[in-house]
Amino acid sequence: MPVVETTLIEGYDAETKARLMTGMARVVRSVMAAPAEGIVTIIREVAPSSYARGGVSRVPGPPLPVAAEVVATFAAAVGAQDRDKAAALLAGEFSATGRDGQAIGLDGLLETAAADERTYLRFEEALADQTVAVFAEGRGRSPFIERYVVFNGRITGYAVWGGD
């Protein structure tokens, strides 16, 4: 029975702490054959006045948005042809690859969406060292799977498989 413990500065909301505990359990399951019900996660909180780095007291930083929600919001903006809203969710180094392996960028995604009404069935996250890959499964004229890479709450990459 693995026990994973972390210490945080007080101030994070319950949703952020729940996401953290779920993520810690997922990491354990990706490395060990431990049943989910056998993994214990513990968060210990300390008051900001009881925590210092370099002799300076700290406060909690903001939590990152849920990567799958960032992608779902982006997909909805692209589907609605809202270029500004979609662009606001992209990192400066964003790159997109179309079905043919060619770079298409945001304009190519908007053009594709305009020609193909899409329905998204689900979004699933896969954690990496510093990024989250979000896989989106959907249907348009034909089934497709998209992979988005999210870093610090912004989409840095996109690729698609299937579809027309």
N, C-alpha and C. Protein backbone atom coordinates (compact mmCIF):
# COMPACT_ATOMS: atom_id res chain seq x y z
N MET A 1 0.84 -1.18 0.00
CA MET A 1 0.00 0.00 0.00
C MET A 1 0.89 1.24 0.00
N PRO A 2 1.05 1.88 -1.17
CA PRO A 2 1.86 3.10 -1.22
C PRO A 2 1.16 4.26 -0.50
N VAL A 3 1.97 5.05 0.20
CA VAL A 3 1.49 6.27 0.85
C VAL A 3 2.28 7.42 0.24
N VAL A 4 1.56 8.37 -0.35
CA VAL A 4 2.18 9.54 -0.97
C VAL A 4 1.77 10.75 -0.17
N GLU A 5 2.76 11.50 0.27
CA GLU A 5 2.49 12.66 1.12
C GLU A 5 3.17 13.88 0.54
N THR A 6 2.47 15.01 0.60
CA THR A 6 3.06 16.27 0.17
C THR A 6 2.66 17.37 1.14
N THR A 7 3.46 18.39 1.20
CA THR A 7 3.18 19.53 2.08
C THR A 7 2.94 20.76 1.23
N LEU A 8 1.86 21.47 1.54
CA LEU A 8 1.50 22.69 0.81
C LEU A 8 1.32 23.85 1.78
N ILE A 9 1.48 25.03 1.27
CA ILE A 9 1.12 26.22 2.03
C ILE A 9 -0.41 26.30 2.04
N GLU A 10 -1.00 26.62 3.18
CA GLU A 10 -2.45 26.79 3.26
C GLU A 10 -2.92 27.81 2.24
N GLY A 11 -4.12 27.57 1.71
CA GLY A 11 -4.70 28.55 0.81
C GLY A 11 -5.24 27.98 -0.48
N TYR A 12 -4.88 26.74 -0.80
CA TYR A 12 -5.44 26.14 -2.01
C TYR A 12 -6.86 25.67 -1.74
N ASP A 13 -7.73 25.81 -2.74
CA ASP A 13 -9.12 25.40 -2.56
C ASP A 13 -9.24 23.88 -2.61
N ALA A 14 -10.41 23.38 -2.20
CA ALA A 14 -10.65 21.94 -2.12
C ALA A 14 -10.52 21.27 -3.50
N GLU A 15 -11.00 21.93 -4.54
CA GLU A 15 -10.92 21.34 -5.89
C GLU A 15 -9.47 21.15 -6.32
N THR A 16 -8.62 22.13 -6.06
CA THR A 16 -7.21 22.02 -6.42
C THR A 16 -6.54 20.90 -5.66
N LYS A 17 -6.84 20.79 -4.37
CA LYS A 17 -6.24 19.71 -3.58
C LYS A 17 -6.75 18.35 -4.04
N ALA A 18 -8.01 18.24 -4.41
CA ALA A 18 -8.55 16.97 -4.92
C ALA A 18 -7.87 16.60 -6.23
N ARG A 19 -7.67 17.58 -7.11
CA ARG A 19 -6.96 17.31 -8.37
C ARG A 19 -5.54 16.83 -8.11
N LEU A 20 -4.88 17.44 -7.13
CA LEU A 20 -3.52 17.04 -6.79
C LEU A 20 -3.49 15.61 -6.26
N MET A 21 -4.40 15.27 -5.38
CA MET A 21 -4.43 13.91 -4.82
C MET A 21 -4.74 12.87 -5.91
N THR A 22 -5.65 13.19 -6.81
CA THR A 22 -5.96 12.29 -7.92
C THR A 22 -4.73 12.11 -8.80
N GLY A 23 -4.05 13.21 -9.10
CA GLY A 23 -2.83 13.14 -9.92
C GLY A 23 -1.74 12.33 -9.26
N MET A 24 -1.56 12.49 -7.95
CA MET A 24 -0.53 11.71 -7.25
C MET A 24 -0.85 10.22 -7.32
N ALA A 25 -2.11 9.86 -7.15
CA ALA A 25 -2.50 8.45 -7.24
C ALA A 25 -2.28 7.92 -8.66
N ARG A 26 -2.56 8.72 -9.66
CA ARG A 26 -2.34 8.28 -11.05
C ARG A 26 -0.87 8.03 -11.33
N VAL A 27 -0.02 8.88 -10.79
CA VAL A 27 1.42 8.68 -10.99
C VAL A 27 1.84 7.35 -10.37
N VAL A 28 1.38 7.06 -9.18
CA VAL A 28 1.73 5.79 -8.54
C VAL A 28 1.26 4.63 -9.42
N ARG A 29 0.05 4.69 -9.90
CA ARG A 29 -0.50 3.60 -10.73
C ARG A 29 0.23 3.46 -12.06
N SER A 30 0.86 4.53 -12.53
CA SER A 30 1.61 4.45 -13.79
C SER A 30 2.96 3.78 -13.59
N VAL A 31 3.38 3.65 -12.34
CA VAL A 31 4.69 3.07 -12.05
C VAL A 31 4.57 1.72 -11.34
N MET A 32 3.55 1.55 -10.52
CA MET A 32 3.38 0.33 -9.71
C MET A 32 2.04 -0.34 -10.00
N ALA A 33 2.00 -1.63 -9.81
CA ALA A 33 0.75 -2.38 -9.97
C ALA A 33 -0.03 -2.34 -8.66
N ALA A 34 -0.35 -1.14 -8.22
CA ALA A 34 -1.08 -0.95 -6.97
C ALA A 34 -2.54 -0.69 -7.28
N PRO A 35 -3.45 -1.35 -6.58
CA PRO A 35 -4.87 -1.06 -6.81
C PRO A 35 -5.20 0.36 -6.33
N ALA A 36 -6.09 1.02 -7.04
CA ALA A 36 -6.44 2.40 -6.70
C ALA A 36 -6.85 2.54 -5.24
N GLU A 37 -7.63 1.57 -4.74
CA GLU A 37 -8.11 1.66 -3.36
C GLU A 37 -6.99 1.43 -2.34
N GLY A 38 -5.83 1.00 -2.79
CA GLY A 38 -4.71 0.78 -1.88
C GLY A 38 -3.73 1.93 -1.81
N ILE A 39 -3.97 2.98 -2.59
CA ILE A 39 -3.05 4.13 -2.62
C ILE A 39 -3.59 5.21 -1.70
N VAL A 40 -2.77 5.61 -0.76
CA VAL A 40 -3.14 6.65 0.19
C VAL A 40 -2.41 7.93 -0.20
N THR A 41 -3.15 9.02 -0.30
CA THR A 41 -2.53 10.32 -0.56
C THR A 41 -2.85 11.24 0.62
N ILE A 42 -1.85 11.96 1.05
CA ILE A 42 -2.01 12.85 2.21
C ILE A 42 -1.46 14.22 1.85
N ILE A 43 -2.22 15.24 2.16
CA ILE A 43 -1.74 16.62 2.01
C ILE A 43 -1.64 17.21 3.40
N ARG A 44 -0.48 17.68 3.74
CA ARG A 44 -0.29 18.41 5.00
C ARG A 44 -0.15 19.88 4.63
N GLU A 45 -0.84 20.72 5.37
CA GLU A 45 -0.80 22.14 5.09
C GLU A 45 -0.10 22.90 6.21
N VAL A 46 0.65 23.90 5.82
CA VAL A 46 1.31 24.75 6.79
C VAL A 46 0.87 26.19 6.55
N ALA A 47 0.79 26.95 7.61
CA ALA A 47 0.42 28.36 7.50
C ALA A 47 1.52 29.10 6.74
N PRO A 48 1.16 30.11 5.94
CA PRO A 48 2.18 30.88 5.22
C PRO A 48 3.25 31.45 6.16
N SER A 49 2.86 31.79 7.37
CA SER A 49 3.83 32.33 8.33
C SER A 49 4.79 31.25 8.85
N SER A 50 4.48 29.99 8.57
CA SER A 50 5.34 28.88 9.01
C SER A 50 6.15 28.29 7.87
N TYR A 51 6.17 28.99 6.74
CA TYR A 51 6.89 28.49 5.56
C TYR A 51 7.71 29.63 4.98
N ALA A 52 8.95 29.36 4.71
CA ALA A 52 9.81 30.36 4.07
C ALA A 52 10.79 29.65 3.14
N ARG A 53 11.13 30.33 2.08
CA ARG A 53 12.16 29.85 1.17
C ARG A 53 13.15 31.00 1.04
N GLY A 54 14.41 30.71 1.32
CA GLY A 54 15.41 31.76 1.29
C GLY A 54 15.17 32.81 2.36
N GLY A 55 14.51 32.39 3.46
CA GLY A 55 14.22 33.30 4.55
C GLY A 55 13.03 34.20 4.30
N VAL A 56 12.32 34.00 3.20
CA VAL A 56 11.18 34.83 2.84
C VAL A 56 9.91 34.00 2.89
N SER A 57 8.91 34.48 3.64
CA SER A 57 7.64 33.78 3.70
C SER A 57 6.99 33.79 2.32
N ARG A 58 6.25 32.75 2.04
CA ARG A 58 5.62 32.61 0.72
C ARG A 58 4.12 32.43 0.87
N VAL A 59 3.40 32.67 -0.20
CA VAL A 59 1.97 32.39 -0.27
C VAL A 59 1.78 31.41 -1.42
N PRO A 60 0.65 30.69 -1.41
CA PRO A 60 0.45 29.72 -2.49
C PRO A 60 0.34 30.40 -3.85
N GLY A 61 0.88 29.74 -4.86
CA GLY A 61 0.72 30.22 -6.23
C GLY A 61 -0.63 29.80 -6.77
N PRO A 62 -1.02 30.35 -7.89
CA PRO A 62 -2.33 29.98 -8.45
C PRO A 62 -2.28 28.56 -9.01
N PRO A 63 -3.38 27.83 -8.91
CA PRO A 63 -3.43 26.51 -9.53
C PRO A 63 -3.54 26.65 -11.05
N LEU A 64 -3.05 25.67 -11.77
CA LEU A 64 -3.21 25.66 -13.21
C LEU A 64 -4.63 25.23 -13.56
N PRO A 65 -5.15 25.69 -14.68
CA PRO A 65 -6.48 25.23 -15.08
C PRO A 65 -6.42 23.75 -15.47
N VAL A 66 -7.55 23.08 -15.45
CA VAL A 66 -7.64 21.69 -15.88
C VAL A 66 -7.36 21.66 -17.37
N ALA A 67 -6.36 20.91 -17.79
CA ALA A 67 -5.93 20.89 -19.19
C ALA A 67 -7.07 20.48 -20.12
N ALA A 68 -7.85 19.48 -19.73
CA ALA A 68 -8.96 19.03 -20.59
C ALA A 68 -9.99 20.14 -20.76
N GLU A 69 -10.19 20.97 -19.74
CA GLU A 69 -11.13 22.09 -19.86
C GLU A 69 -10.58 23.18 -20.78
N VAL A 70 -9.26 23.40 -20.74
CA VAL A 70 -8.63 24.36 -21.65
C VAL A 70 -8.88 23.91 -23.09
N VAL A 71 -8.64 22.62 -23.34
CA VAL A 71 -8.81 22.08 -24.70
C VAL A 71 -10.28 22.13 -25.13
N ALA A 72 -11.20 21.76 -24.24
CA ALA A 72 -12.62 21.80 -24.58
C ALA A 72 -13.06 23.23 -24.91
N THR A 73 -12.57 24.20 -24.17
CA THR A 73 -12.89 25.61 -24.43
C THR A 73 -12.31 26.04 -25.77
N PHE A 74 -11.08 25.61 -26.06
CA PHE A 74 -10.44 25.91 -27.34
C PHE A 74 -11.23 25.30 -28.49
N ALA A 75 -11.59 24.02 -28.36
CA ALA A 75 -12.33 23.33 -29.43
C ALA A 75 -13.67 24.02 -29.69
N ALA A 76 -14.33 24.44 -28.62
CA ALA A 76 -15.60 25.15 -28.78
C ALA A 76 -15.39 26.49 -29.48
N ALA A 77 -14.32 27.20 -29.15
CA ALA A 77 -14.04 28.49 -29.78
C ALA A 77 -13.73 28.30 -31.27
N VAL A 78 -12.95 27.27 -31.59
CA VAL A 78 -12.64 26.99 -32.99
C VAL A 78 -13.92 26.63 -33.74
N GLY A 79 -14.76 25.78 -33.12
CA GLY A 79 -16.03 25.41 -33.76
C GLY A 79 -16.95 26.59 -33.98
N ALA A 80 -16.89 27.57 -33.09
CA ALA A 80 -17.71 28.77 -33.21
C ALA A 80 -17.04 29.85 -34.08
N GLN A 81 -15.85 29.53 -34.61
CA GLN A 81 -15.08 30.47 -35.43
C GLN A 81 -14.70 31.73 -34.67
N ASP A 82 -14.49 31.58 -33.34
CA ASP A 82 -14.08 32.70 -32.50
C ASP A 82 -12.56 32.70 -32.41
N ARG A 83 -11.93 33.33 -33.39
CA ARG A 83 -10.47 33.31 -33.49
C ARG A 83 -9.80 33.93 -32.26
N ASP A 84 -10.32 35.04 -31.77
CA ASP A 84 -9.70 35.71 -30.64
C ASP A 84 -9.72 34.85 -29.38
N LYS A 85 -10.87 34.22 -29.10
CA LYS A 85 -10.98 33.36 -27.92
C LYS A 85 -10.06 32.16 -28.05
N ALA A 86 -10.00 31.57 -29.24
CA ALA A 86 -9.12 30.42 -29.47
C ALA A 86 -7.66 30.83 -29.32
N ALA A 87 -7.28 31.94 -29.92
CA ALA A 87 -5.89 32.40 -29.88
C ALA A 87 -5.44 32.70 -28.45
N ALA A 88 -6.35 33.15 -27.60
CA ALA A 88 -6.00 33.47 -26.21
C ALA A 88 -5.60 32.23 -25.41
N LEU A 89 -5.96 31.06 -25.90
CA LEU A 89 -5.63 29.81 -25.20
C LEU A 89 -4.35 29.16 -25.73
N LEU A 90 -3.72 29.78 -26.70
CA LEU A 90 -2.51 29.22 -27.31
C LEU A 90 -1.25 29.84 -26.74
N ALA A 91 -0.21 29.02 -26.62
CA ALA A 91 1.11 29.52 -26.24
C ALA A 91 1.75 30.16 -27.46
N GLY A 92 2.72 31.02 -27.24
CA GLY A 92 3.40 31.69 -28.34
C GLY A 92 4.06 30.73 -29.31
N GLU A 93 4.50 29.58 -28.81
CA GLU A 93 5.19 28.61 -29.67
C GLU A 93 4.25 27.51 -30.18
N PHE A 94 2.96 27.80 -30.26
CA PHE A 94 1.96 26.83 -30.72
C PHE A 94 2.26 26.35 -32.14
N SER A 95 2.12 25.05 -32.33
CA SER A 95 2.23 24.48 -33.68
C SER A 95 1.12 23.45 -33.86
N ALA A 96 0.61 23.36 -35.07
CA ALA A 96 -0.47 22.42 -35.37
C ALA A 96 -0.11 21.65 -36.63
N THR A 97 -0.40 20.36 -36.58
CA THR A 97 -0.13 19.48 -37.71
C THR A 97 -1.44 18.87 -38.18
N GLY A 98 -1.72 18.97 -39.46
CA GLY A 98 -2.94 18.42 -40.03
C GLY A 98 -2.81 16.94 -40.33
N ARG A 99 -3.86 16.37 -40.89
CA ARG A 99 -3.90 14.94 -41.20
C ARG A 99 -2.78 14.51 -42.14
N ASP A 100 -2.35 15.41 -43.00
CA ASP A 100 -1.31 15.08 -43.97
C ASP A 100 0.10 15.30 -43.42
N GLY A 101 0.20 15.68 -42.13
CA GLY A 101 1.51 15.91 -41.51
C GLY A 101 2.07 17.29 -41.76
N GLN A 102 1.32 18.13 -42.44
CA GLN A 102 1.77 19.49 -42.74
C GLN A 102 1.33 20.47 -41.65
N ALA A 103 2.14 21.49 -41.44
CA ALA A 103 1.79 22.53 -40.47
C ALA A 103 0.57 23.30 -40.98
N ILE A 104 -0.39 23.53 -40.06
CA ILE A 104 -1.61 24.23 -40.47
C ILE A 104 -1.91 25.47 -39.62
N GLY A 105 -1.42 25.54 -38.41
CA GLY A 105 -1.65 26.70 -37.56
C GLY A 105 -3.12 26.91 -37.21
N LEU A 106 -3.38 27.96 -36.48
CA LEU A 106 -4.74 28.25 -36.04
C LEU A 106 -5.67 28.50 -37.23
N ASP A 107 -5.20 29.20 -38.25
CA ASP A 107 -6.05 29.47 -39.40
C ASP A 107 -6.49 28.18 -40.08
N GLY A 108 -5.60 27.21 -40.16
CA GLY A 108 -5.95 25.92 -40.74
C GLY A 108 -6.98 25.18 -39.91
N LEU A 109 -6.87 25.28 -38.59
CA LEU A 109 -7.87 24.65 -37.71
C LEU A 109 -9.23 25.30 -37.88
N LEU A 110 -9.25 26.62 -37.97
CA LEU A 110 -10.51 27.33 -38.18
C LEU A 110 -11.14 26.97 -39.52
N GLU A 111 -10.32 26.86 -40.54
CA GLU A 111 -10.82 26.50 -41.87
C GLU A 111 -11.41 25.08 -41.86
N THR A 112 -10.71 24.16 -41.23
CA THR A 112 -11.20 22.77 -41.13
C THR A 112 -12.52 22.72 -40.37
N ALA A 113 -12.59 23.44 -39.26
CA ALA A 113 -13.81 23.43 -38.45
C ALA A 113 -14.99 24.04 -39.20
N ALA A 114 -14.73 25.04 -40.03
CA ALA A 114 -15.81 25.66 -40.78
C ALA A 114 -16.41 24.69 -41.80
N ALA A 115 -15.58 23.77 -42.30
CA ALA A 115 -16.03 22.83 -43.32
C ALA A 115 -16.58 21.52 -42.73
N ASP A 116 -16.39 21.31 -41.44
CA ASP A 116 -16.74 20.02 -40.84
C ASP A 116 -17.31 20.22 -39.45
N GLU A 117 -18.62 20.16 -39.32
CA GLU A 117 -19.25 20.31 -38.00
C GLU A 117 -18.81 19.13 -37.13
N ARG A 118 -18.21 19.43 -36.00
CA ARG A 118 -17.65 18.38 -35.14
C ARG A 118 -18.40 18.27 -33.83
N THR A 119 -18.44 17.05 -33.34
CA THR A 119 -18.98 16.77 -32.01
C THR A 119 -17.88 16.06 -31.24
N TYR A 120 -17.57 16.56 -30.07
CA TYR A 120 -16.55 15.93 -29.23
C TYR A 120 -17.23 14.99 -28.25
N LEU A 121 -16.72 13.76 -28.18
CA LEU A 121 -17.28 12.74 -27.31
C LEU A 121 -16.61 12.72 -25.95
N ARG A 122 -15.29 12.94 -25.92
CA ARG A 122 -14.59 12.95 -24.63
C ARG A 122 -13.20 13.56 -24.78
N PHE A 123 -12.70 13.99 -23.65
CA PHE A 123 -11.35 14.54 -23.53
C PHE A 123 -10.66 13.78 -22.41
N GLU A 124 -9.46 13.25 -22.67
CA GLU A 124 -8.72 12.51 -21.65
C GLU A 124 -7.32 13.06 -21.52
N GLU A 125 -6.85 13.17 -20.27
CA GLU A 125 -5.53 13.72 -20.00
C GLU A 125 -4.51 12.61 -19.77
N ALA A 126 -3.30 12.85 -20.24
CA ALA A 126 -2.15 11.99 -19.97
C ALA A 126 -1.03 12.90 -19.49
N LEU A 127 -0.54 12.65 -18.28
CA LEU A 127 0.47 13.52 -17.68
C LEU A 127 1.86 13.18 -18.19
N ALA A 128 2.66 14.20 -18.42
CA ALA A 128 4.07 14.05 -18.75
C ALA A 128 4.86 14.86 -17.74
N ASP A 129 6.16 14.98 -17.94
CA ASP A 129 6.98 15.69 -16.96
C ASP A 129 6.54 17.13 -16.73
N GLN A 130 6.39 17.88 -17.79
CA GLN A 130 6.02 19.29 -17.64
C GLN A 130 4.76 19.67 -18.41
N THR A 131 4.25 18.75 -19.17
CA THR A 131 3.08 19.03 -20.00
C THR A 131 1.99 18.02 -19.71
N VAL A 132 0.82 18.31 -20.24
CA VAL A 132 -0.30 17.37 -20.21
C VAL A 132 -0.74 17.17 -21.65
N ALA A 133 -0.80 15.92 -22.08
CA ALA A 133 -1.36 15.62 -23.39
C ALA A 133 -2.85 15.39 -23.18
N VAL A 134 -3.66 16.04 -23.99
CA VAL A 134 -5.11 15.85 -23.93
C VAL A 134 -5.53 15.24 -25.25
N PHE A 135 -6.16 14.09 -25.16
CA PHE A 135 -6.67 13.39 -26.34
C PHE A 135 -8.16 13.66 -26.43
N ALA A 136 -8.58 14.13 -27.59
CA ALA A 136 -9.99 14.44 -27.83
C ALA A 136 -10.50 13.48 -28.89
N GLU A 137 -11.56 12.78 -28.55
CA GLU A 137 -12.20 11.87 -29.51
C GLU A 137 -13.48 12.52 -29.98
N GLY A 138 -13.72 12.46 -31.29
CA GLY A 138 -14.92 13.09 -31.79
C GLY A 138 -15.38 12.53 -33.11
N ARG A 139 -16.45 13.12 -33.57
CA ARG A 139 -17.05 12.74 -34.85
C ARG A 139 -17.34 14.02 -35.63
N GLY A 140 -17.04 13.94 -36.90
CA GLY A 140 -17.41 14.99 -37.84
C GLY A 140 -18.02 14.25 -39.01
N ARG A 141 -17.47 14.49 -40.19
CA ARG A 141 -17.89 13.66 -41.32
C ARG A 141 -17.43 12.23 -41.12
N SER A 142 -16.37 12.07 -40.29
CA SER A 142 -15.87 10.74 -39.91
C SER A 142 -15.20 10.87 -38.55
N PRO A 143 -14.95 9.74 -37.87
CA PRO A 143 -14.33 9.79 -36.54
C PRO A 143 -12.91 10.37 -36.60
N PHE A 144 -12.51 11.00 -35.52
CA PHE A 144 -11.15 11.55 -35.44
C PHE A 144 -10.66 11.50 -33.99
N ILE A 145 -9.35 11.59 -33.86
CA ILE A 145 -8.70 11.76 -32.55
C ILE A 145 -7.72 12.90 -32.70
N GLU A 146 -7.79 13.84 -31.78
CA GLU A 146 -6.86 14.97 -31.76
C GLU A 146 -6.00 14.85 -30.50
N ARG A 147 -4.76 15.27 -30.63
CA ARG A 147 -3.87 15.34 -29.47
C ARG A 147 -3.42 16.78 -29.29
N TYR A 148 -3.67 17.30 -28.12
CA TYR A 148 -3.24 18.64 -27.76
C TYR A 148 -2.16 18.51 -26.69
N VAL A 149 -1.19 19.39 -26.70
CA VAL A 149 -0.18 19.46 -25.64
C VAL A 149 -0.40 20.77 -24.91
N VAL A 150 -0.55 20.68 -23.58
CA VAL A 150 -0.84 21.85 -22.76
C VAL A 150 0.31 22.05 -21.78
N PHE A 151 0.82 23.27 -21.73
CA PHE A 151 1.90 23.64 -20.81
C PHE A 151 1.50 24.94 -20.11
N ASN A 152 1.49 24.91 -18.79
CA ASN A 152 1.14 26.10 -18.00
C ASN A 152 -0.20 26.72 -18.42
N GLY A 153 -1.17 25.86 -18.72
CA GLY A 153 -2.51 26.35 -19.03
C GLY A 153 -2.71 26.85 -20.45
N ARG A 154 -1.69 26.70 -21.31
CA ARG A 154 -1.78 27.14 -22.71
C ARG A 154 -1.48 25.96 -23.63
N ILE A 155 -2.13 25.95 -24.77
CA ILE A 155 -1.93 24.87 -25.75
C ILE A 155 -0.68 25.18 -26.57
N THR A 156 0.25 24.22 -26.59
CA THR A 156 1.49 24.40 -27.34
C THR A 156 1.53 23.58 -28.63
N GLY A 157 0.72 22.52 -28.70
CA GLY A 157 0.78 21.67 -29.88
C GLY A 157 -0.54 20.98 -30.17
N TYR A 158 -0.70 20.59 -31.45
CA TYR A 158 -1.91 19.94 -31.90
C TYR A 158 -1.56 19.00 -33.05
N ALA A 159 -2.18 17.84 -33.05
CA ALA A 159 -2.10 16.91 -34.17
C ALA A 159 -3.42 16.17 -34.25
N VAL A 160 -3.77 15.70 -35.44
CA VAL A 160 -5.06 15.02 -35.63
C VAL A 160 -4.82 13.74 -36.42
N TRP A 161 -5.64 12.73 -36.09
CA TRP A 161 -5.64 11.46 -36.81
C TRP A 161 -7.07 11.15 -37.20
N GLY A 162 -7.26 10.63 -38.39
CA GLY A 162 -8.59 10.25 -38.85
C GLY A 162 -9.34 11.44 -39.39
N GLY A 163 -10.62 11.23 -39.60
CA GLY A 163 -11.46 12.29 -40.13
C GLY A 163 -11.20 12.52 -41.61
N ASP A 164 -11.93 13.42 -42.19
CA ASP A 164 -11.77 13.74 -43.62
C ASP A 164 -10.86 14.90 -43.80
